[in-house]
Amino acid sequence: MTDQAMRYLASALAIGLGALGPGLGIGLLASKAMDALGRNPEARDALFVPMIIGIAFTEAIAIYALVVAIIIKFV
């Protein structure tokens, strides 16, 4: 296996595995928020902002994985 092929494989693994965790995290965050809203609809204002902040932090991890994958591929 050549050096270039190893770079492509490492880049694919970095973004593939790096996006798996945030995908699961966002799904769990949204699922629990919908469950909480189903039980107590009046809590919408108290749940919305922390849910959005949690989703933003979780999405940042996927962006870091993308940056690492690009660095591996081109450096």
PDB file of N, CA and C in Angstrom:
ATOM      1  N   MET A   1       0.840  -1.165   0.000  1.00  0.00           N
ATOM      2  CA  MET A   1       0.000   0.000   0.000  1.00  0.00           C
ATOM      3  C   MET A   1       0.898   1.245   0.000  1.00  0.00           C
ATOM      4  N   THR A   2       0.590   2.145  -0.878  1.00  0.00           N
ATOM      5  CA  THR A   2       1.416   3.348  -1.008  1.00  0.00           C
ATOM      6  C   THR A   2       1.104   4.361   0.089  1.00  0.00           C
ATOM      7  N   ASP A   3       1.972   5.358   0.178  1.00  0.00           N
ATOM      8  CA  ASP A   3       1.796   6.411   1.169  1.00  0.00           C
ATOM      9  C   ASP A   3       0.509   7.204   0.904  1.00  0.00           C
ATOM     10  N   GLN A   4       0.233   7.469  -0.358  1.00  0.00           N
ATOM     11  CA  GLN A   4      -0.977   8.212  -0.725  1.00  0.00           C
ATOM     12  C   GLN A   4      -2.238   7.422  -0.360  1.00  0.00           C
ATOM     13  N   ALA A   5      -2.227   6.134  -0.582  1.00  0.00           N
ATOM     14  CA  ALA A   5      -3.382   5.297  -0.238  1.00  0.00           C
ATOM     15  C   ALA A   5      -3.606   5.261   1.267  1.00  0.00           C
ATOM     16  N   MET A   6      -2.539   5.228   2.036  1.00  0.00           N
ATOM     17  CA  MET A   6      -2.667   5.254   3.492  1.00  0.00           C
ATOM     18  C   MET A   6      -3.254   6.583   3.965  1.00  0.00           C
ATOM     19  N   ARG A   7      -2.879   7.667   3.325  1.00  0.00           N
ATOM     20  CA  ARG A   7      -3.434   8.971   3.679  1.00  0.00           C
ATOM     21  C   ARG A   7      -4.934   9.029   3.407  1.00  0.00           C
ATOM     22  N   TYR A   8      -5.337   8.502   2.251  1.00  0.00           N
ATOM     23  CA  TYR A   8      -6.761   8.489   1.922  1.00  0.00           C
ATOM     24  C   TYR A   8      -7.541   7.625   2.913  1.00  0.00           C
ATOM     25  N   LEU A   9      -6.989   6.486   3.272  1.00  0.00           N
ATOM     26  CA  LEU A   9      -7.655   5.593   4.226  1.00  0.00           C
ATOM     27  C   LEU A   9      -7.754   6.241   5.606  1.00  0.00           C
ATOM     28  N   ALA A  10      -6.680   6.875   6.054  1.00  0.00           N
ATOM     29  CA  ALA A  10      -6.693   7.541   7.358  1.00  0.00           C
ATOM     30  C   ALA A  10      -7.661   8.717   7.358  1.00  0.00           C
ATOM     31  N   SER A  11      -7.728   9.451   6.262  1.00  0.00           N
ATOM     32  CA  SER A  11      -8.655  10.572   6.156  1.00  0.00           C
ATOM     33  C   SER A  11     -10.100  10.089   6.205  1.00  0.00           C
ATOM     34  N   ALA A  12     -10.389   9.019   5.497  1.00  0.00           N
ATOM     35  CA  ALA A  12     -11.746   8.467   5.496  1.00  0.00           C
ATOM     36  C   ALA A  12     -12.130   7.941   6.877  1.00  0.00           C
ATOM     37  N   LEU A  13     -11.215   7.281   7.540  1.00  0.00           N
ATOM     38  CA  LEU A  13     -11.499   6.782   8.887  1.00  0.00           C
ATOM     39  C   LEU A  13     -11.678   7.925   9.881  1.00  0.00           C
ATOM     40  N   ALA A  14     -10.896   8.978   9.742  1.00  0.00           N
ATOM     41  CA  ALA A  14     -10.997  10.113  10.664  1.00  0.00           C
ATOM     42  C   ALA A  14     -12.366  10.764  10.583  1.00  0.00           C
ATOM     43  N   ILE A  15     -12.853  11.030   9.391  1.00  0.00           N
ATOM     44  CA  ILE A  15     -14.156  11.691   9.284  1.00  0.00           C
ATOM     45  C   ILE A  15     -15.282  10.696   9.522  1.00  0.00           C
ATOM     46  N   GLY A  16     -15.106   9.457   9.118  1.00  0.00           N
ATOM     47  CA  GLY A  16     -16.157   8.461   9.331  1.00  0.00           C
ATOM     48  C   GLY A  16     -16.400   8.192  10.800  1.00  0.00           C
ATOM     49  N   LEU A  17     -15.344   7.922  11.536  1.00  0.00           N
ATOM     50  CA  LEU A  17     -15.486   7.669  12.970  1.00  0.00           C
ATOM     51  C   LEU A  17     -15.726   8.952  13.743  1.00  0.00           C
ATOM     52  N   GLY A  18     -15.188  10.057  13.238  1.00  0.00           N
ATOM     53  CA  GLY A  18     -15.378  11.336  13.907  1.00  0.00           C
ATOM     54  C   GLY A  18     -16.789  11.880  13.775  1.00  0.00           C
ATOM     55  N   ALA A  19     -17.529  11.447  12.788  1.00  0.00           N
ATOM     56  CA  ALA A  19     -18.912  11.899  12.620  1.00  0.00           C
ATOM     57  C   ALA A  19     -19.901  10.937  13.275  1.00  0.00           C
ATOM     58  N   LEU A  20     -19.457   9.753  13.627  1.00  0.00           N
ATOM     59  CA  LEU A  20     -20.344   8.768  14.239  1.00  0.00           C
ATOM     60  C   LEU A  20     -20.798   9.210  15.632  1.00  0.00           C
ATOM     61  N   GLY A  21     -19.864   9.645  16.453  1.00  0.00           N
ATOM     62  CA  GLY A  21     -20.196  10.071  17.808  1.00  0.00           C
ATOM     63  C   GLY A  21     -21.113  11.281  17.857  1.00  0.00           C
ATOM     64  N   PRO A  22     -20.789  12.354  17.125  1.00  0.00           N
ATOM     65  CA  PRO A  22     -21.697  13.504  17.124  1.00  0.00           C
ATOM     66  C   PRO A  22     -23.085  13.180  16.562  1.00  0.00           C
ATOM     67  N   GLY A  23     -23.148  12.294  15.587  1.00  0.00           N
ATOM     68  CA  GLY A  23     -24.455  11.899  15.060  1.00  0.00           C
ATOM     69  C   GLY A  23     -25.307  11.223  16.122  1.00  0.00           C
ATOM     70  N   LEU A  24     -24.683  10.326  16.858  1.00  0.00           N
ATOM     71  CA  LEU A  24     -25.400   9.681  17.957  1.00  0.00           C
ATOM     72  C   LEU A  24     -25.749  10.677  19.051  1.00  0.00           C
ATOM     73  N   GLY A  25     -24.831  11.574  19.355  1.00  0.00           N
ATOM     74  CA  GLY A  25     -25.076  12.567  20.398  1.00  0.00           C
ATOM     75  C   GLY A  25     -26.222  13.499  20.069  1.00  0.00           C
ATOM     76  N   ILE A  26     -26.277  13.975  18.838  1.00  0.00           N
ATOM     77  CA  ILE A  26     -27.362  14.868  18.438  1.00  0.00           C
ATOM     78  C   ILE A  26     -28.689  14.119  18.453  1.00  0.00           C
ATOM     79  N   GLY A  27     -28.670  12.879  18.012  1.00  0.00           N
ATOM     80  CA  GLY A  27     -29.891  12.078  18.053  1.00  0.00           C
ATOM     81  C   GLY A  27     -30.394  11.872  19.469  1.00  0.00           C
ATOM     82  N   LEU A  28     -29.490  11.583  20.387  1.00  0.00           N
ATOM     83  CA  LEU A  28     -29.896  11.403  21.780  1.00  0.00           C
ATOM     84  C   LEU A  28     -30.386  12.710  22.397  1.00  0.00           C
ATOM     85  N   LEU A  29     -29.718  13.813  22.101  1.00  0.00           N
ATOM     86  CA  LEU A  29     -30.158  15.109  22.618  1.00  0.00           C
ATOM     87  C   LEU A  29     -31.574  15.455  22.146  1.00  0.00           C
ATOM     88  N   ALA A  30     -31.820  15.303  20.871  1.00  0.00           N
ATOM     89  CA  ALA A  30     -33.139  15.621  20.339  1.00  0.00           C
ATOM     90  C   ALA A  30     -34.193  14.660  20.866  1.00  0.00           C
ATOM     91  N   SER A  31     -33.843  13.398  20.981  1.00  0.00           N
ATOM     92  CA  SER A  31     -34.784  12.405  21.492  1.00  0.00           C
ATOM     93  C   SER A  31     -35.193  12.702  22.927  1.00  0.00           C
ATOM     94  N   LYS A  32     -34.234  12.998  23.770  1.00  0.00           N
ATOM     95  CA  LYS A  32     -34.543  13.292  25.174  1.00  0.00           C
ATOM     96  C   LYS A  32     -35.307  14.604  25.310  1.00  0.00           C
ATOM     97  N   ALA A  33     -35.000  15.583  24.463  1.00  0.00           N
ATOM     98  CA  ALA A  33     -35.734  16.850  24.514  1.00  0.00           C
ATOM     99  C   ALA A  33     -37.190  16.646  24.101  1.00  0.00           C
ATOM    100  N   MET A  34     -37.422  15.853  23.062  1.00  0.00           N
ATOM    101  CA  MET A  34     -38.796  15.585  22.638  1.00  0.00           C
ATOM    102  C   MET A  34     -39.548  14.775  23.693  1.00  0.00           C
ATOM    103  N   ASP A  35     -38.859  13.862  24.349  1.00  0.00           N
ATOM    104  CA  ASP A  35     -39.465  13.085  25.420  1.00  0.00           C
ATOM    105  C   ASP A  35     -39.861  14.004  26.578  1.00  0.00           C
ATOM    106  N   ALA A  36     -38.986  14.923  26.927  1.00  0.00           N
ATOM    107  CA  ALA A  36     -39.280  15.862  28.012  1.00  0.00           C
ATOM    108  C   ALA A  36     -40.429  16.790  27.628  1.00  0.00           C
ATOM    109  N   LEU A  37     -40.476  17.232  26.376  1.00  0.00           N
ATOM    110  CA  LEU A  37     -41.574  18.100  25.939  1.00  0.00           C
ATOM    111  C   LEU A  37     -42.895  17.351  25.884  1.00  0.00           C
ATOM    112  N   GLY A  38     -42.832  16.072  25.581  1.00  0.00           N
ATOM    113  CA  GLY A  38     -44.051  15.272  25.586  1.00  0.00           C
ATOM    114  C   GLY A  38     -44.619  15.115  26.984  1.00  0.00           C
ATOM    115  N   ARG A  39     -43.740  15.036  27.961  1.00  0.00           N
ATOM    116  CA  ARG A  39     -44.191  14.897  29.351  1.00  0.00           C
ATOM    117  C   ARG A  39     -44.615  16.228  29.955  1.00  0.00           C
ATOM    118  N   ASN A  40     -43.944  17.313  29.559  1.00  0.00           N
ATOM    119  CA  ASN A  40     -44.229  18.624  30.143  1.00  0.00           C
ATOM    120  C   ASN A  40     -44.109  19.700  29.058  1.00  0.00           C
ATOM    121  N   PRO A  41     -45.181  19.959  28.319  1.00  0.00           N
ATOM    122  CA  PRO A  41     -45.111  20.928  27.211  1.00  0.00           C
ATOM    123  C   PRO A  41     -44.796  22.362  27.652  1.00  0.00           C
ATOM    124  N   GLU A  42     -45.077  22.684  28.901  1.00  0.00           N
ATOM    125  CA  GLU A  42     -44.808  24.048  29.369  1.00  0.00           C
ATOM    126  C   GLU A  42     -43.320  24.320  29.541  1.00  0.00           C
ATOM    127  N   ALA A  43     -42.501  23.292  29.513  1.00  0.00           N
ATOM    128  CA  ALA A  43     -41.062  23.452  29.729  1.00  0.00           C
ATOM    129  C   ALA A  43     -40.318  23.768  28.439  1.00  0.00           C
ATOM    130  N   ARG A  44     -41.032  24.167  27.398  1.00  0.00           N
ATOM    131  CA  ARG A  44     -40.385  24.414  26.105  1.00  0.00           C
ATOM    132  C   ARG A  44     -39.278  25.466  26.200  1.00  0.00           C
ATOM    133  N   ASP A  45     -39.576  26.570  26.853  1.00  0.00           N
ATOM    134  CA  ASP A  45     -38.581  27.646  26.943  1.00  0.00           C
ATOM    135  C   ASP A  45     -37.365  27.232  27.766  1.00  0.00           C
ATOM    136  N   ALA A  46     -37.577  26.420  28.783  1.00  0.00           N
ATOM    137  CA  ALA A  46     -36.462  25.977  29.634  1.00  0.00           C
ATOM    138  C   ALA A  46     -35.605  24.923  28.941  1.00  0.00           C
ATOM    139  N   LEU A  47     -36.150  24.196  27.974  1.00  0.00           N
ATOM    140  CA  LEU A  47     -35.404  23.133  27.297  1.00  0.00           C
ATOM    141  C   LEU A  47     -34.749  23.568  25.995  1.00  0.00           C
ATOM    142  N   PHE A  48     -35.310  24.565  25.347  1.00  0.00           N
ATOM    143  CA  PHE A  48     -34.875  24.897  23.996  1.00  0.00           C
ATOM    144  C   PHE A  48     -33.436  25.395  23.933  1.00  0.00           C
ATOM    145  N   VAL A  49     -33.091  26.368  24.748  1.00  0.00           N
ATOM    146  CA  VAL A  49     -31.745  26.954  24.692  1.00  0.00           C
ATOM    147  C   VAL A  49     -30.664  25.944  25.083  1.00  0.00           C
ATOM    148  N   PRO A  50     -30.805  25.194  26.191  1.00  0.00           N
ATOM    149  CA  PRO A  50     -29.768  24.194  26.496  1.00  0.00           C
ATOM    150  C   PRO A  50     -29.645  23.104  25.428  1.00  0.00           C
ATOM    151  N   MET A  51     -30.777  22.741  24.794  1.00  0.00           N
ATOM    152  CA  MET A  51     -30.720  21.740  23.732  1.00  0.00           C
ATOM    153  C   MET A  51     -29.925  22.272  22.540  1.00  0.00           C
ATOM    154  N   ILE A  52     -30.169  23.511  22.135  1.00  0.00           N
ATOM    155  CA  ILE A  52     -29.458  24.095  20.996  1.00  0.00           C
ATOM    156  C   ILE A  52     -27.967  24.245  21.311  1.00  0.00           C
ATOM    157  N   ILE A  53     -27.642  24.646  22.528  1.00  0.00           N
ATOM    158  CA  ILE A  53     -26.231  24.777  22.914  1.00  0.00           C
ATOM    159  C   ILE A  53     -25.544  23.408  22.902  1.00  0.00           C
ATOM    160  N   GLY A  54     -26.219  22.396  23.410  1.00  0.00           N
ATOM    161  CA  GLY A  54     -25.658  21.041  23.388  1.00  0.00           C
ATOM    162  C   GLY A  54     -25.448  20.524  21.984  1.00  0.00           C
ATOM    163  N   ILE A  55     -26.409  20.792  21.107  1.00  0.00           N
ATOM    164  CA  ILE A  55     -26.269  20.366  19.709  1.00  0.00           C
ATOM    165  C   ILE A  55     -25.108  21.108  19.044  1.00  0.00           C
ATOM    166  N   ALA A  56     -24.937  22.380  19.346  1.00  0.00           N
ATOM    167  CA  ALA A  56     -23.835  23.151  18.750  1.00  0.00           C
ATOM    168  C   ALA A  56     -22.484  22.621  19.211  1.00  0.00           C
ATOM    169  N   PHE A  57     -22.353  22.312  20.503  1.00  0.00           N
ATOM    170  CA  PHE A  57     -21.087  21.760  20.993  1.00  0.00           C
ATOM    171  C   PHE A  57     -20.821  20.378  20.406  1.00  0.00           C
ATOM    172  N   THR A  58     -21.861  19.580  20.258  1.00  0.00           N
ATOM    173  CA  THR A  58     -21.699  18.250  19.678  1.00  0.00           C
ATOM    174  C   THR A  58     -21.307  18.348  18.207  1.00  0.00           C
ATOM    175  N   GLU A  59     -21.896  19.283  17.495  1.00  0.00           N
ATOM    176  CA  GLU A  59     -21.565  19.472  16.083  1.00  0.00           C
ATOM    177  C   GLU A  59     -20.134  19.974  15.904  1.00  0.00           C
ATOM    178  N   ALA A  60     -19.629  20.714  16.878  1.00  0.00           N
ATOM    179  CA  ALA A  60     -18.247  21.205  16.800  1.00  0.00           C
ATOM    180  C   ALA A  60     -17.257  20.050  16.748  1.00  0.00           C
ATOM    181  N   ILE A  61     -17.577  18.952  17.418  1.00  0.00           N
ATOM    182  CA  ILE A  61     -16.689  17.784  17.388  1.00  0.00           C
ATOM    183  C   ILE A  61     -16.607  17.225  15.971  1.00  0.00           C
ATOM    184  N   ALA A  62     -17.719  17.193  15.261  1.00  0.00           N
ATOM    185  CA  ALA A  62     -17.708  16.720  13.871  1.00  0.00           C
ATOM    186  C   ALA A  62     -16.902  17.655  12.978  1.00  0.00           C
ATOM    187  N   ILE A  63     -16.969  18.940  13.247  1.00  0.00           N
ATOM    188  CA  ILE A  63     -16.183  19.894  12.460  1.00  0.00           C
ATOM    189  C   ILE A  63     -14.694  19.700  12.725  1.00  0.00           C
ATOM    190  N   TYR A  64     -14.327  19.428  13.981  1.00  0.00           N
ATOM    191  CA  TYR A  64     -12.924  19.134  14.292  1.00  0.00           C
ATOM    192  C   TYR A  64     -12.459  17.877  13.555  1.00  0.00           C
ATOM    193  N   ALA A  65     -13.310  16.867  13.492  1.00  0.00           N
ATOM    194  CA  ALA A  65     -12.955  15.642  12.772  1.00  0.00           C
ATOM    195  C   ALA A  65     -12.767  15.925  11.285  1.00  0.00           C
ATOM    196  N   LEU A  66     -13.594  16.793  10.726  1.00  0.00           N
ATOM    197  CA  LEU A  66     -13.445  17.163   9.323  1.00  0.00           C
ATOM    198  C   LEU A  66     -12.135  17.893   9.079  1.00  0.00           C
ATOM    199  N   VAL A  67     -11.773  18.789   9.974  1.00  0.00           N
ATOM    200  CA  VAL A  67     -10.507  19.517   9.839  1.00  0.00           C
ATOM    201  C   VAL A  67      -9.329  18.557   9.918  1.00  0.00           C
ATOM    202  N   VAL A  68      -9.381  17.609  10.850  1.00  0.00           N
ATOM    203  CA  VAL A  68      -8.302  16.619  10.971  1.00  0.00           C
ATOM    204  C   VAL A  68      -8.218  15.777   9.709  1.00  0.00           C
ATOM    205  N   ALA A  69      -9.359  15.377   9.147  1.00  0.00           N
ATOM    206  CA  ALA A  69      -9.362  14.571   7.925  1.00  0.00           C
ATOM    207  C   ALA A  69      -8.753  15.348   6.762  1.00  0.00           C
ATOM    208  N   ILE A  70      -9.067  16.636   6.663  1.00  0.00           N
ATOM    209  CA  ILE A  70      -8.500  17.458   5.582  1.00  0.00           C
ATOM    210  C   ILE A  70      -7.000  17.627   5.775  1.00  0.00           C
ATOM    211  N   ILE A  71      -6.583  17.824   7.015  1.00  0.00           N
ATOM    212  CA  ILE A  71      -5.135  17.954   7.275  1.00  0.00           C
ATOM    213  C   ILE A  71      -4.410  16.660   6.922  1.00  0.00           C
ATOM    214  N   ILE A  72      -4.969  15.517   7.295  1.00  0.00           N
ATOM    215  CA  ILE A  72      -4.342  14.243   6.966  1.00  0.00           C
ATOM    216  C   ILE A  72      -4.240  14.066   5.448  1.00  0.00           C
ATOM    217  N   LYS A  73      -5.284  14.447   4.734  1.00  0.00           N
ATOM    218  CA  LYS A  73      -5.309  14.228   3.298  1.00  0.00           C
ATOM    219  C   LYS A  73      -4.308  15.101   2.542  1.00  0.00           C
ATOM    220  N   PHE A  74      -4.164  16.359   2.950  1.00  0.00           N
ATOM    221  CA  PHE A  74      -3.371  17.288   2.146  1.00  0.00           C
ATOM    222  C   PHE A  74      -1.987  17.609   2.712  1.00  0.00           C
ATOM    223  N   VAL A  75      -1.661  17.138   3.890  1.00  0.00           N
ATOM    224  CA  VAL A  75      -0.345  17.453   4.453  1.00  0.00           C
ATOM    225  C   VAL A  75       0.532  16.225   4.424  1.00  0.00           C
TER     226      VAL A  75
END
